[in-house]
């Protein structure tokens, strides 16, 4: 499998090949796909010791939250010798790869842009949900964040994705995503109070999500809560075997 030049996909709008989502390191013309080490493997050697930061989170979720916070600082989508695309799906693939979960190994089975491929994986492995309160590490999918097909209608599913970092007591979700103007940032969504952008104290509950220049067709639907589609607890997927050059990738739920 040969990977080409990295293609930056602003706002996740382009239908792409796997070549554009994953590229090899600067001194290689192939990308190595690694097998996930089981969580209880004594040979697992994370970069730093894993200590529970939030009660009830799995080791995988803790690694995902840690990686998400770090990527906001570094703005880097490089993991080892692999560079992921600097867009919303590439950001999620990067965070998951830092946690040892190589979702990109499954991308070859699906078509469309990165968001559509992530959604296809989540659908097939039955990890989608619409609970008001997600868990850290869950992937978030939105529809109609911009007019992808440029027809002026409200008919653009799966246009954006992000990742849950934390959930506050009032239900406000802090999430990571790639903003088409500001890069990799954190933002907010509260499905319990979907019509409120900021509370009385001025804290943001629901961040703007629809592109400002494309709100004319539905001017009242522009917040992250308005355009929310589904969550996916993709951190439950365990990749048991992975390979390239035509070898089958096997994944399952624990």
Foldseek 3Di string as FASTA:
>chain_A
DFADDADADQLLQFWDDLSNFKHFAPVDGDHFDDAFDDPPDPPDDAPDDQDDPDPPDDSLLSQLLVLLVVCQVVLALDDPGMGGHQFFLSSLQSSNVSSRHRLSLQQVVDTTTSQRSVVVVLVVQVQKDADQADAFFKKWFFAQLDDSVPPLDRDGGRRHMWTFNDADPQSKTWIWGQHSVPTIDIDIEGLVCHQDQADPVGDGHWDFRRDPVNCVSPVSQTTPNSGTDIIGNCSQKHFRDGGDPPDDTDIHGD
